[in-house]
Every structure is written in structure tokens, then in C-alpha cells.
Amino acid sequence: MTTDVSTTPAAFWDTVAEHVGAQVTPAMKLGHHARRPIVTYLRDLEGIARRECDNRQAIQIIASGRHLLGDRSQVEPVDGPFSRT
């Protein structure tokens, strides 16, 4: 039986490294302008992770993906388990 990651948030956060890698690796070959939608997506994903995820490593992976694409902005801390990482 396979698990539908879209319906189990904990499973998604467990696979976030593969998900971010699938977004970032091809985007690294694109120009700055073409990367913007992916960077925006990763910023949004990091914000969600800071609110909902209890895995600090997931947040670090998302932030690293953004940095690899040239995004040095800070995602605002929110109330969450790792809001200040």
C-alpha cells in the first residue's frame, strides 16, 4: 500500500529533501528571472514549515534550496516550533 503524501503532512515533511531537490536542481540551470517563481514557492513552503513542521532539518533544507537559487532574504519568524531558526 502506498501513502498519499498530499494527505499526510508528516509524510510530506519526511520527504521534503527530495521535493526541494526536484525543484532546485533544474532551476539552477535557469536565469535569475526564471527562478523567481520557484524561489517564491520555496519562501512560502518555508513559512508553512515554520508554522506546521516539527522537523528543524526540513526548514534548513528549504532555506538551503532558496540560497542555492540566490535568495538571501529572511523568511519572517512566526509562532511555531522552530520559528526562530
PDB file of N, CA and C in Angstrom:
ATOM      1  N   MET A   1       0.840  -1.182   0.000  1.00  0.00           N
ATOM      2  CA  MET A   1       0.000   0.000   0.000  1.00  0.00           C
ATOM      3  C   MET A   1       0.883   1.243   0.000  1.00  0.00           C
ATOM      4  N   THR A   2       0.584   2.205  -0.858  1.00  0.00           N
ATOM      5  CA  THR A   2       1.356   3.437  -0.903  1.00  0.00           C
ATOM      6  C   THR A   2       0.643   4.521  -0.116  1.00  0.00           C
ATOM      7  N   THR A   3       1.407   5.427   0.432  1.00  0.00           N
ATOM      8  CA  THR A   3       0.850   6.531   1.206  1.00  0.00           C
ATOM      9  C   THR A   3       0.724   7.744   0.316  1.00  0.00           C
ATOM     10  N   ASP A   4      -0.414   8.387   0.360  1.00  0.00           N
ATOM     11  CA  ASP A   4      -0.626   9.621  -0.378  1.00  0.00           C
ATOM     12  C   ASP A   4      -0.044  10.759   0.443  1.00  0.00           C
ATOM     13  N   VAL A   5       1.121  11.244   0.035  1.00  0.00           N
ATOM     14  CA  VAL A   5       1.828  12.276   0.785  1.00  0.00           C
ATOM     15  C   VAL A   5       0.996  13.547   0.905  1.00  0.00           C
ATOM     16  N   SER A   6       0.159  13.817  -0.073  1.00  0.00           N
ATOM     17  CA  SER A   6      -0.617  15.046  -0.040  1.00  0.00           C
ATOM     18  C   SER A   6      -1.640  15.065   1.089  1.00  0.00           C
ATOM     19  N   THR A   7      -1.994  13.905   1.627  1.00  0.00           N
ATOM     20  CA  THR A   7      -2.979  13.867   2.698  1.00  0.00           C
ATOM     21  C   THR A   7      -2.364  13.599   4.058  1.00  0.00           C
ATOM     22  N   THR A   8      -1.054  13.408   4.103  1.00  0.00           N
ATOM     23  CA  THR A   8      -0.390  13.161   5.376  1.00  0.00           C
ATOM     24  C   THR A   8       0.765  14.133   5.529  1.00  0.00           C
ATOM     25  N   PRO A   9       0.539  15.255   6.206  1.00  0.00           N
ATOM     26  CA  PRO A   9       1.583  16.284   6.321  1.00  0.00           C
ATOM     27  C   PRO A   9       2.909  15.769   6.869  1.00  0.00           C
ATOM     28  N   ALA A  10       2.868  14.901   7.859  1.00  0.00           N
ATOM     29  CA  ALA A  10       4.120  14.394   8.421  1.00  0.00           C
ATOM     30  C   ALA A  10       4.938  13.667   7.364  1.00  0.00           C
ATOM     31  N   ALA A  11       4.267  12.922   6.501  1.00  0.00           N
ATOM     32  CA  ALA A  11       4.974  12.204   5.435  1.00  0.00           C
ATOM     33  C   ALA A  11       5.595  13.181   4.451  1.00  0.00           C
ATOM     34  N   PHE A  12       4.905  14.280   4.162  1.00  0.00           N
ATOM     35  CA  PHE A  12       5.473  15.279   3.257  1.00  0.00           C
ATOM     36  C   PHE A  12       6.767  15.845   3.829  1.00  0.00           C
ATOM     37  N   TRP A  13       6.753  16.216   5.101  1.00  0.00           N
ATOM     38  CA  TRP A  13       7.955  16.810   5.695  1.00  0.00           C
ATOM     39  C   TRP A  13       9.095  15.806   5.736  1.00  0.00           C
ATOM     40  N   ASP A  14       8.771  14.522   5.836  1.00  0.00           N
ATOM     41  CA  ASP A  14       9.815  13.497   5.809  1.00  0.00           C
ATOM     42  C   ASP A  14      10.473  13.389   4.432  1.00  0.00           C
ATOM     43  N   THR A  15       9.769  13.804   3.387  1.00  0.00           N
ATOM     44  CA  THR A  15      10.305  13.703   2.025  1.00  0.00           C
ATOM     45  C   THR A  15      10.652  15.067   1.430  1.00  0.00           C
ATOM     46  N   VAL A  16      10.706  16.086   2.260  1.00  0.00           N
ATOM     47  CA  VAL A  16      10.914  17.446   1.755  1.00  0.00           C
ATOM     48  C   VAL A  16      12.265  17.591   1.044  1.00  0.00           C
ATOM     49  N   ALA A  17      13.272  16.864   1.463  1.00  0.00           N
ATOM     50  CA  ALA A  17      14.585  16.973   0.800  1.00  0.00           C
ATOM     51  C   ALA A  17      14.480  16.576  -0.671  1.00  0.00           C
ATOM     52  N   GLU A  18      13.776  15.495  -0.960  1.00  0.00           N
ATOM     53  CA  GLU A  18      13.612  15.063  -2.339  1.00  0.00           C
ATOM     54  C   GLU A  18      12.759  16.071  -3.117  1.00  0.00           C
ATOM     55  N   HIS A  19      11.729  16.569  -2.481  1.00  0.00           N
ATOM     56  CA  HIS A  19      10.843  17.543  -3.116  1.00  0.00           C
ATOM     57  C   HIS A  19      11.597  18.832  -3.464  1.00  0.00           C
ATOM     58  N   VAL A  20      12.341  19.350  -2.509  1.00  0.00           N
ATOM     59  CA  VAL A  20      13.101  20.585  -2.748  1.00  0.00           C
ATOM     60  C   VAL A  20      14.170  20.341  -3.804  1.00  0.00           C
ATOM     61  N   GLY A  21      14.842  19.223  -3.729  1.00  0.00           N
ATOM     62  CA  GLY A  21      15.852  18.893  -4.732  1.00  0.00           C
ATOM     63  C   GLY A  21      15.272  18.829  -6.135  1.00  0.00           C
ATOM     64  N   ALA A  22      14.072  18.279  -6.257  1.00  0.00           N
ATOM     65  CA  ALA A  22      13.419  18.195  -7.559  1.00  0.00           C
ATOM     66  C   ALA A  22      13.063  19.572  -8.102  1.00  0.00           C
ATOM     67  N   GLN A  23      12.869  20.542  -7.232  1.00  0.00           N
ATOM     68  CA  GLN A  23      12.570  21.907  -7.654  1.00  0.00           C
ATOM     69  C   GLN A  23      13.854  22.680  -7.961  1.00  0.00           C
ATOM     70  N   VAL A  24      14.852  22.528  -7.098  1.00  0.00           N
ATOM     71  CA  VAL A  24      16.059  23.357  -7.156  1.00  0.00           C
ATOM     72  C   VAL A  24      17.030  22.910  -8.247  1.00  0.00           C
ATOM     73  N   THR A  25      17.251  21.624  -8.380  1.00  0.00           N
ATOM     74  CA  THR A  25      18.259  21.135  -9.325  1.00  0.00           C
ATOM     75  C   THR A  25      18.031  21.638 -10.747  1.00  0.00           C
ATOM     76  N   PRO A  26      16.842  21.485 -11.321  1.00  0.00           N
ATOM     77  CA  PRO A  26      16.652  22.016 -12.674  1.00  0.00           C
ATOM     78  C   PRO A  26      16.663  23.543 -12.713  1.00  0.00           C
ATOM     79  N   ALA A  27      16.210  24.171 -11.636  1.00  0.00           N
ATOM     80  CA  ALA A  27      16.145  25.643 -11.609  1.00  0.00           C
ATOM     81  C   ALA A  27      17.536  26.273 -11.597  1.00  0.00           C
ATOM     82  N   MET A  28      18.529  25.555 -11.131  1.00  0.00           N
ATOM     83  CA  MET A  28      19.889  26.092 -11.091  1.00  0.00           C
ATOM     84  C   MET A  28      20.423  26.369 -12.495  1.00  0.00           C
ATOM     85  N   LYS A  29      19.844  25.739 -13.497  1.00  0.00           N
ATOM     86  CA  LYS A  29      20.271  25.942 -14.881  1.00  0.00           C
ATOM     87  C   LYS A  29      19.560  27.121 -15.530  1.00  0.00           C
ATOM     88  N   LEU A  30      18.596  27.692 -14.815  1.00  0.00           N
ATOM     89  CA  LEU A  30      17.811  28.802 -15.345  1.00  0.00           C
ATOM     90  C   LEU A  30      18.411  30.141 -14.929  1.00  0.00           C
ATOM     91  N   GLY A  31      18.007  31.170 -15.607  1.00  0.00           N
ATOM     92  CA  GLY A  31      18.424  32.518 -15.248  1.00  0.00           C
ATOM     93  C   GLY A  31      17.672  33.012 -14.022  1.00  0.00           C
ATOM     94  N   HIS A  32      18.149  34.119 -13.490  1.00  0.00           N
ATOM     95  CA  HIS A  32      17.573  34.694 -12.266  1.00  0.00           C
ATOM     96  C   HIS A  32      16.070  34.933 -12.399  1.00  0.00           C
ATOM     97  N   HIS A  33      15.662  35.516 -13.494  1.00  0.00           N
ATOM     98  CA  HIS A  33      14.245  35.834 -13.695  1.00  0.00           C
ATOM     99  C   HIS A  33      13.380  34.567 -13.715  1.00  0.00           C
ATOM    100  N   ALA A  34      13.854  33.522 -14.355  1.00  0.00           N
ATOM    101  CA  ALA A  34      13.098  32.275 -14.449  1.00  0.00           C
ATOM    102  C   ALA A  34      13.029  31.536 -13.116  1.00  0.00           C
ATOM    103  N   ARG A  35      13.960  31.810 -12.225  1.00  0.00           N
ATOM    104  CA  ARG A  35      13.984  31.162 -10.913  1.00  0.00           C
ATOM    105  C   ARG A  35      12.981  31.771  -9.939  1.00  0.00           C
ATOM    106  N   ARG A  36      12.545  32.988 -10.188  1.00  0.00           N
ATOM    107  CA  ARG A  36      11.709  33.700  -9.217  1.00  0.00           C
ATOM    108  C   ARG A  36      10.476  32.930  -8.754  1.00  0.00           C
ATOM    109  N   PRO A  37       9.713  32.283  -9.638  1.00  0.00           N
ATOM    110  CA  PRO A  37       8.542  31.545  -9.144  1.00  0.00           C
ATOM    111  C   PRO A  37       8.912  30.399  -8.196  1.00  0.00           C
ATOM    112  N   ILE A  38      10.040  29.766  -8.460  1.00  0.00           N
ATOM    113  CA  ILE A  38      10.475  28.665  -7.604  1.00  0.00           C
ATOM    114  C   ILE A  38      10.938  29.207  -6.263  1.00  0.00           C
ATOM    115  N   VAL A  39      11.658  30.317  -6.279  1.00  0.00           N
ATOM    116  CA  VAL A  39      12.093  30.948  -5.027  1.00  0.00           C
ATOM    117  C   VAL A  39      10.884  31.370  -4.204  1.00  0.00           C
ATOM    118  N   THR A  40       9.897  31.957  -4.855  1.00  0.00           N
ATOM    119  CA  THR A  40       8.673  32.362  -4.149  1.00  0.00           C
ATOM    120  C   THR A  40       7.991  31.149  -3.533  1.00  0.00           C
ATOM    121  N   TYR A  41       7.898  30.082  -4.296  1.00  0.00           N
ATOM    122  CA  TYR A  41       7.303  28.844  -3.782  1.00  0.00           C
ATOM    123  C   TYR A  41       8.067  28.356  -2.555  1.00  0.00           C
ATOM    124  N   LEU A  42       9.399  28.358  -2.630  1.00  0.00           N
ATOM    125  CA  LEU A  42      10.195  27.874  -1.506  1.00  0.00           C
ATOM    126  C   LEU A  42      10.057  28.786  -0.286  1.00  0.00           C
ATOM    127  N   ARG A  43       9.947  30.092  -0.497  1.00  0.00           N
ATOM    128  CA  ARG A  43       9.694  31.006   0.633  1.00  0.00           C
ATOM    129  C   ARG A  43       8.371  30.661   1.306  1.00  0.00           C
ATOM    130  N   ASP A  44       7.341  30.466   0.486  1.00  0.00           N
ATOM    131  CA  ASP A  44       6.033  30.102   1.034  1.00  0.00           C
ATOM    132  C   ASP A  44       6.088  28.766   1.771  1.00  0.00           C
ATOM    133  N   LEU A  45       6.782  27.795   1.177  1.00  0.00           N
ATOM    134  CA  LEU A  45       6.924  26.485   1.803  1.00  0.00           C
ATOM    135  C   LEU A  45       7.662  26.594   3.128  1.00  0.00           C
ATOM    136  N   GLU A  46       8.688  27.429   3.175  1.00  0.00           N
ATOM    137  CA  GLU A  46       9.423  27.602   4.424  1.00  0.00           C
ATOM    138  C   GLU A  46       8.535  28.240   5.493  1.00  0.00           C
ATOM    139  N   GLY A  47       7.720  29.200   5.097  1.00  0.00           N
ATOM    140  CA  GLY A  47       6.791  29.809   6.052  1.00  0.00           C
ATOM    141  C   GLY A  47       5.834  28.777   6.628  1.00  0.00           C
ATOM    142  N   ILE A  48       5.319  27.900   5.773  1.00  0.00           N
ATOM    143  CA  ILE A  48       4.423  26.836   6.240  1.00  0.00           C
ATOM    144  C   ILE A  48       5.177  25.893   7.164  1.00  0.00           C
ATOM    145  N   ALA A  49       6.384  25.544   6.784  1.00  0.00           N
ATOM    146  CA  ALA A  49       7.191  24.637   7.607  1.00  0.00           C
ATOM    147  C   ALA A  49       7.452  25.241   8.987  1.00  0.00           C
ATOM    148  N   ARG A  50       7.733  26.529   9.036  1.00  0.00           N
ATOM    149  CA  ARG A  50       7.985  27.174  10.325  1.00  0.00           C
ATOM    150  C   ARG A  50       6.751  27.156  11.230  1.00  0.00           C
ATOM    151  N   ARG A  51       5.564  27.114  10.622  1.00  0.00           N
ATOM    152  CA  ARG A  51       4.332  27.067  11.414  1.00  0.00           C
ATOM    153  C   ARG A  51       3.916  25.650  11.767  1.00  0.00           C
ATOM    154  N   GLU A  52       4.131  24.707  10.847  1.00  0.00           N
ATOM    155  CA  GLU A  52       3.493  23.403  10.981  1.00  0.00           C
ATOM    156  C   GLU A  52       4.428  22.217  11.186  1.00  0.00           C
ATOM    157  N   CYS A  53       5.657  22.369  10.833  1.00  0.00           N
ATOM    158  CA  CYS A  53       6.577  21.229  10.846  1.00  0.00           C
ATOM    159  C   CYS A  53       7.354  21.190  12.157  1.00  0.00           C
ATOM    160  N   ASP A  54       7.544  19.999  12.681  1.00  0.00           N
ATOM    161  CA  ASP A  54       8.322  19.863  13.908  1.00  0.00           C
ATOM    162  C   ASP A  54       9.726  19.307  13.640  1.00  0.00           C
ATOM    163  N   ASN A  55      10.178  19.464  12.396  1.00  0.00           N
ATOM    164  CA  ASN A  55      11.482  18.949  11.980  1.00  0.00           C
ATOM    165  C   ASN A  55      12.362  20.110  11.518  1.00  0.00           C
ATOM    166  N   ARG A  56      13.313  20.481  12.344  1.00  0.00           N
ATOM    167  CA  ARG A  56      14.208  21.599  12.032  1.00  0.00           C
ATOM    168  C   ARG A  56      14.968  21.360  10.732  1.00  0.00           C
ATOM    169  N   GLN A  57      15.322  20.123  10.462  1.00  0.00           N
ATOM    170  CA  GLN A  57      16.079  19.810   9.249  1.00  0.00           C
ATOM    171  C   GLN A  57      15.281  20.155   7.997  1.00  0.00           C
ATOM    172  N   ALA A  58      13.968  19.949   8.014  1.00  0.00           N
ATOM    173  CA  ALA A  58      13.132  20.288   6.852  1.00  0.00           C
ATOM    174  C   ALA A  58      13.231  21.777   6.546  1.00  0.00           C
ATOM    175  N   ILE A  59      13.195  22.597   7.574  1.00  0.00           N
ATOM    176  CA  ILE A  59      13.291  24.052   7.394  1.00  0.00           C
ATOM    177  C   ILE A  59      14.663  24.422   6.827  1.00  0.00           C
ATOM    178  N   GLN A  60      15.696  23.792   7.331  1.00  0.00           N
ATOM    179  CA  GLN A  60      17.045  24.076   6.844  1.00  0.00           C
ATOM    180  C   GLN A  60      17.212  23.660   5.387  1.00  0.00           C
ATOM    181  N   ILE A  61      16.599  22.561   5.002  1.00  0.00           N
ATOM    182  CA  ILE A  61      16.684  22.093   3.613  1.00  0.00           C
ATOM    183  C   ILE A  61      16.017  23.090   2.678  1.00  0.00           C
ATOM    184  N   ILE A  62      14.841  23.572   3.067  1.00  0.00           N
ATOM    185  CA  ILE A  62      14.131  24.539   2.238  1.00  0.00           C
ATOM    186  C   ILE A  62      14.938  25.829   2.121  1.00  0.00           C
ATOM    187  N   ALA A  63      15.464  26.313   3.244  1.00  0.00           N
ATOM    188  CA  ALA A  63      16.270  27.540   3.235  1.00  0.00           C
ATOM    189  C   ALA A  63      17.523  27.354   2.373  1.00  0.00           C
ATOM    190  N   SER A  64      18.135  26.196   2.446  1.00  0.00           N
ATOM    191  CA  SER A  64      19.321  25.925   1.626  1.00  0.00           C
ATOM    192  C   SER A  64      18.984  25.940   0.143  1.00  0.00           C
ATOM    193  N   GLY A  65      17.834  25.384  -0.210  1.00  0.00           N
ATOM    194  CA  GLY A  65      17.399  25.418  -1.601  1.00  0.00           C
ATOM    195  C   GLY A  65      17.229  26.841  -2.099  1.00  0.00           C
ATOM    196  N   ARG A  66      16.618  27.694  -1.267  1.00  0.00           N
ATOM    197  CA  ARG A  66      16.455  29.103  -1.639  1.00  0.00           C
ATOM    198  C   ARG A  66      17.806  29.762  -1.831  1.00  0.00           C
ATOM    199  N   HIS A  67      18.730  29.491  -0.933  1.00  0.00           N
ATOM    200  CA  HIS A  67      20.060  30.101  -1.015  1.00  0.00           C
ATOM    201  C   HIS A  67      20.796  29.646  -2.269  1.00  0.00           C
ATOM    202  N   LEU A  68      20.656  28.367  -2.625  1.00  0.00           N
ATOM    203  CA  LEU A  68      21.294  27.872  -3.844  1.00  0.00           C
ATOM    204  C   LEU A  68      20.780  28.595  -5.084  1.00  0.00           C
ATOM    205  N   LEU A  69      19.526  29.048  -5.021  1.00  0.00           N
ATOM    206  CA  LEU A  69      18.944  29.774  -6.151  1.00  0.00           C
ATOM    207  C   LEU A  69      19.187  31.274  -6.066  1.00  0.00           C
ATOM    208  N   GLY A  70      19.992  31.685  -5.094  1.00  0.00           N
ATOM    209  CA  GLY A  70      20.379  33.085  -4.997  1.00  0.00           C
ATOM    210  C   GLY A  70      19.514  33.942  -4.092  1.00  0.00           C
ATOM    211  N   ASP A  71      18.579  33.347  -3.385  1.00  0.00           N
ATOM    212  CA  ASP A  71      17.692  34.104  -2.493  1.00  0.00           C
ATOM    213  C   ASP A  71      18.329  34.205  -1.113  1.00  0.00           C
ATOM    214  N   ARG A  72      18.653  35.408  -0.725  1.00  0.00           N
ATOM    215  CA  ARG A  72      19.276  35.623   0.584  1.00  0.00           C
ATOM    216  C   ARG A  72      18.321  36.283   1.579  1.00  0.00           C
ATOM    217  N   SER A  73      17.045  36.414   1.192  1.00  0.00           N
ATOM    218  CA  SER A  73      16.084  37.064   2.080  1.00  0.00           C
ATOM    219  C   SER A  73      15.766  36.158   3.267  1.00  0.00           C
ATOM    220  N   GLN A  74      15.280  36.784   4.322  1.00  0.00           N
ATOM    221  CA  GLN A  74      14.877  36.060   5.524  1.00  0.00           C
ATOM    222  C   GLN A  74      13.386  35.802   5.478  1.00  0.00           C
ATOM    223  N   VAL A  75      12.986  34.613   5.836  1.00  0.00           N
ATOM    224  CA  VAL A  75      11.569  34.309   5.985  1.00  0.00           C
ATOM    225  C   VAL A  75      11.225  34.678   7.421  1.00  0.00           C
ATOM    226  N   GLU A  76      10.226  35.526   7.552  1.00  0.00           N
ATOM    227  CA  GLU A  76       9.860  36.026   8.871  1.00  0.00           C
ATOM    228  C   GLU A  76       9.501  34.899   9.825  1.00  0.00           C
ATOM    229  N   PRO A  77      10.008  34.992  11.040  1.00  0.00           N
ATOM    230  CA  PRO A  77       9.606  34.001  12.044  1.00  0.00           C
ATOM    231  C   PRO A  77       8.124  34.171  12.376  1.00  0.00           C
ATOM    232  N   VAL A  78       7.495  33.072  12.596  1.00  0.00           N
ATOM    233  CA  VAL A  78       6.113  33.050  13.039  1.00  0.00           C
ATOM    234  C   VAL A  78       6.041  32.140  14.256  1.00  0.00           C
ATOM    235  N   ASP A  79       4.934  32.131  14.896  1.00  0.00           N
ATOM    236  CA  ASP A  79       4.788  31.236  16.045  1.00  0.00           C
ATOM    237  C   ASP A  79       4.720  29.811  15.559  1.00  0.00           C
ATOM    238  N   GLY A  80       5.703  29.047  15.910  1.00  0.00           N
ATOM    239  CA  GLY A  80       5.780  27.638  15.523  1.00  0.00           C
ATOM    240  C   GLY A  80       6.918  26.996  16.274  1.00  0.00           C
ATOM    241  N   PRO A  81       7.063  25.694  16.139  1.00  0.00           N
ATOM    242  CA  PRO A  81       8.083  25.005  16.925  1.00  0.00           C
ATOM    243  C   PRO A  81       9.508  25.457  16.631  1.00  0.00           C
ATOM    244  N   PHE A  82       9.799  25.837  15.396  1.00  0.00           N
ATOM    245  CA  PHE A  82      11.151  26.287  15.038  1.00  0.00           C
ATOM    246  C   PHE A  82      11.096  27.634  14.346  1.00  0.00           C
ATOM    247  N   SER A  83      10.316  28.528  14.874  1.00  0.00           N
ATOM    248  CA  SER A  83      10.085  29.812  14.211  1.00  0.00           C
ATOM    249  C   SER A  83      11.307  30.712  14.204  1.00  0.00           C
ATOM    250  N   ARG A  84      12.286  30.419  14.973  1.00  0.00           N
ATOM    251  CA  ARG A  84      13.447  31.309  15.041  1.00  0.00           C
ATOM    252  C   ARG A  84      14.729  30.651  14.541  1.00  0.00           C
ATOM    253  N   THR A  85      14.590  29.674  13.642  1.00  0.00           N
ATOM    254  CA  THR A  85      15.798  29.014  13.109  1.00  0.00           C
ATOM    255  C   THR A  85      16.327  29.761  11.928  1.00  0.00           C
TER     256      THR A  85
END
